[in-house]
Protein backbone atom coordinates (compact mmCIF):
# COMPACT_ATOMS: atom_id res chain seq x y z
CA UNK A 1 0.00 0.00 0.00
CA UNK A 2 1.42 3.38 -1.01
CA UNK A 3 1.47 5.86 1.85
CA UNK A 4 1.06 8.89 -0.43
CA UNK A 5 0.76 9.94 -4.02
CA UNK A 6 1.43 13.18 -5.87
CA UNK A 7 -1.68 14.53 -7.56
CA UNK A 8 -2.03 16.97 -10.44
CA UNK A 9 -2.31 20.65 -9.56
CA UNK A 10 -1.96 23.69 -11.78
CA UNK A 11 0.38 25.79 -9.64
CA UNK A 12 1.17 24.11 -6.33
CA UNK A 13 1.98 20.67 -4.93
CA UNK A 14 -0.94 18.40 -4.06
CA UNK A 15 -0.76 15.10 -2.21
CA UNK A 16 -3.15 12.36 -1.22
CA UNK A 17 -2.09 10.35 1.84
CA UNK A 18 -3.69 7.21 3.21
CA UNK A 19 -3.37 5.33 6.45
CA UNK A 20 -5.09 3.00 8.85
CA UNK A 21 -5.35 5.65 11.58
CA UNK A 22 -5.55 9.41 11.80
CA UNK A 23 -2.08 9.41 13.38
CA UNK A 24 -0.75 7.54 10.35
CA UNK A 25 -2.29 10.09 7.97
CA UNK A 26 -0.29 12.85 9.67
CA UNK A 27 2.89 10.73 9.67
CA UNK A 28 2.45 10.03 5.96
CA UNK A 29 1.86 13.73 5.29
CA UNK A 30 5.37 14.30 6.68
CA UNK A 31 6.77 11.66 4.30
CA UNK A 32 4.96 13.26 1.36
CA UNK A 33 6.21 16.73 2.27
CA UNK A 34 9.78 15.45 2.71
CA UNK A 35 9.60 13.81 -0.74
CA UNK A 36 8.97 17.21 -2.31
CA UNK A 37 11.41 19.15 -0.12
CA UNK A 38 14.41 16.99 -0.94
CA UNK A 39 15.35 14.71 -3.84
CA UNK A 40 17.33 12.37 -1.59
CA UNK A 41 16.33 10.60 1.62
CA UNK A 42 16.67 12.70 4.76
CA UNK A 43 19.02 11.03 7.22
CA UNK A 44 17.88 10.76 10.80
CA UNK A 45 20.48 12.52 12.91
CA UNK A 46 18.37 14.70 15.20
CA UNK A 47 14.96 14.67 16.85
CA UNK A 48 12.55 17.37 17.95
CA UNK A 49 9.34 17.29 19.96
CA UNK A 50 6.48 19.49 18.80
CA UNK A 51 2.92 20.15 19.89
CA UNK A 52 0.21 21.90 17.89
CA UNK A 53 -3.50 22.37 18.26
CA UNK A 54 -6.37 23.14 15.94
CA UNK A 55 -10.11 23.58 15.85
CA UNK A 56 -10.67 20.45 13.75
CA UNK A 57 -8.69 17.80 11.87
CA UNK A 58 -8.03 20.03 8.86
CA UNK A 59 -6.71 22.94 10.90
CA UNK A 60 -4.62 20.48 12.91
CA UNK A 61 -3.03 19.12 9.72
CA UNK A 62 -2.41 22.62 8.39
CA UNK A 63 -0.81 23.78 11.65
CA UNK A 64 1.31 20.62 11.85
CA UNK A 65 2.63 21.02 8.30
CA UNK A 66 3.31 24.71 8.92
CA UNK A 67 5.32 23.73 12.02
CA UNK A 68 7.41 21.34 9.88
CA UNK A 69 8.09 24.20 7.44
CA UNK A 70 8.78 26.69 10.25
CA UNK A 71 11.49 24.42 11.65
CA UNK A 72 13.35 24.55 8.33
CA UNK A 73 13.62 28.34 8.38
CA UNK A 74 13.81 29.03 12.11
CA UNK A 75 15.96 26.16 13.35
CA UNK A 76 17.56 24.67 10.24
CA UNK A 77 15.86 21.32 10.92
CA UNK A 78 14.43 19.27 8.07
CA UNK A 79 11.99 16.52 9.02
CA UNK A 80 12.07 13.16 7.28
CA UNK A 81 9.81 11.11 9.55
CA UNK A 82 7.44 11.58 12.50
CA UNK A 83 5.70 9.64 15.25
CA UNK A 84 2.37 11.36 15.82
CA UNK A 85 -0.15 11.09 18.64
CA UNK A 86 -3.46 12.93 18.25
CA UNK A 87 -5.85 13.45 21.13
CA UNK A 88 -8.92 15.41 20.06
CA UNK A 89 -7.68 18.65 18.53
CA UNK A 90 -4.21 18.37 20.10
CA UNK A 91 -1.20 16.79 18.43
CA UNK A 92 2.15 15.80 19.86
CA UNK A 93 4.88 14.48 17.61
CA UNK A 94 8.45 13.32 17.73
CA UNK A 95 10.13 14.50 14.54
CA UNK A 96 13.16 12.77 13.09
CA UNK A 97 15.43 14.66 10.74
CA UNK A 98 18.69 16.39 10.07
CA UNK A 99 20.35 19.75 9.53
CA UNK A 100 18.86 21.46 6.49
CA UNK A 101 22.36 22.72 5.56
CA UNK A 102 23.22 19.22 4.29
CA UNK A 103 20.49 19.28 1.62
CA UNK A 104 19.41 21.20 -1.45
CA UNK A 105 15.74 21.78 -0.79
CA UNK A 106 12.75 22.92 -2.78
CA UNK A 107 10.99 25.86 -1.15
CA UNK A 108 7.48 25.57 0.26
CA UNK A 109 5.69 28.72 1.48
CA UNK A 110 2.93 27.09 3.52
CA UNK A 111 0.27 24.43 3.73
CA UNK A 112 -3.08 25.74 2.53
CA UNK A 113 -6.71 24.95 3.23
CA UNK A 114 -7.39 24.97 -0.52
CA UNK A 115 -8.75 21.57 -1.51
CA UNK A 116 -7.83 20.10 1.90
CA UNK A 117 -9.94 17.18 3.04
CA UNK A 118 -9.70 14.41 5.58
CA UNK A 119 -12.16 11.56 5.50
CA UNK A 120 -12.71 8.15 6.98
CA UNK A 121 -12.82 5.33 4.45
CA UNK A 122 -14.77 2.19 5.13
CA UNK A 123 -15.72 -0.37 2.52
CA UNK A 124 -15.27 -4.10 2.08
CA UNK A 125 -11.79 -3.72 0.50
CA UNK A 126 -10.20 -1.25 2.90
CA UNK A 127 -10.78 0.94 5.90
CA UNK A 128 -8.86 3.79 7.38
CA UNK A 129 -8.33 7.43 6.50
CA UNK A 130 -7.49 9.51 3.46
CA UNK A 131 -6.34 13.11 3.34
CA UNK A 132 -5.67 15.52 0.51
CA UNK A 133 -3.60 18.65 1.04
CA UNK A 134 -1.91 21.34 -1.02
CA UNK A 135 1.46 22.97 -0.39
CA UNK A 136 1.88 26.53 -1.63
CA UNK A 137 5.21 26.77 -3.49
């Protein structure tokens, strides 16, 4: 099962991520974002703990992705993987990554609410969650 796929978009970067749990959707959103940011795998040399909150699942995803992008500019930390725990509208995550100075990265301005959706999937072939999000580049 693919964790994410790049979708067509006229001007920005659009991903669809899937997972068995809501936590996994957010973890796979990090993998998708990292795949655009850097053409080579991000080595795990450092960790960071983050906490974000939102008013609903979509705002939580947007705030989480914006935190990932903030860490690149503010602390020189590029995230390649995350362990996420969501409790209501609160998220705590352990981020695994490296110094951004070691990589040539593609710039991302922000995560947007445009076309963002998170939904529960349940049918006879699969169950879990699916999310679509757009990164403004």
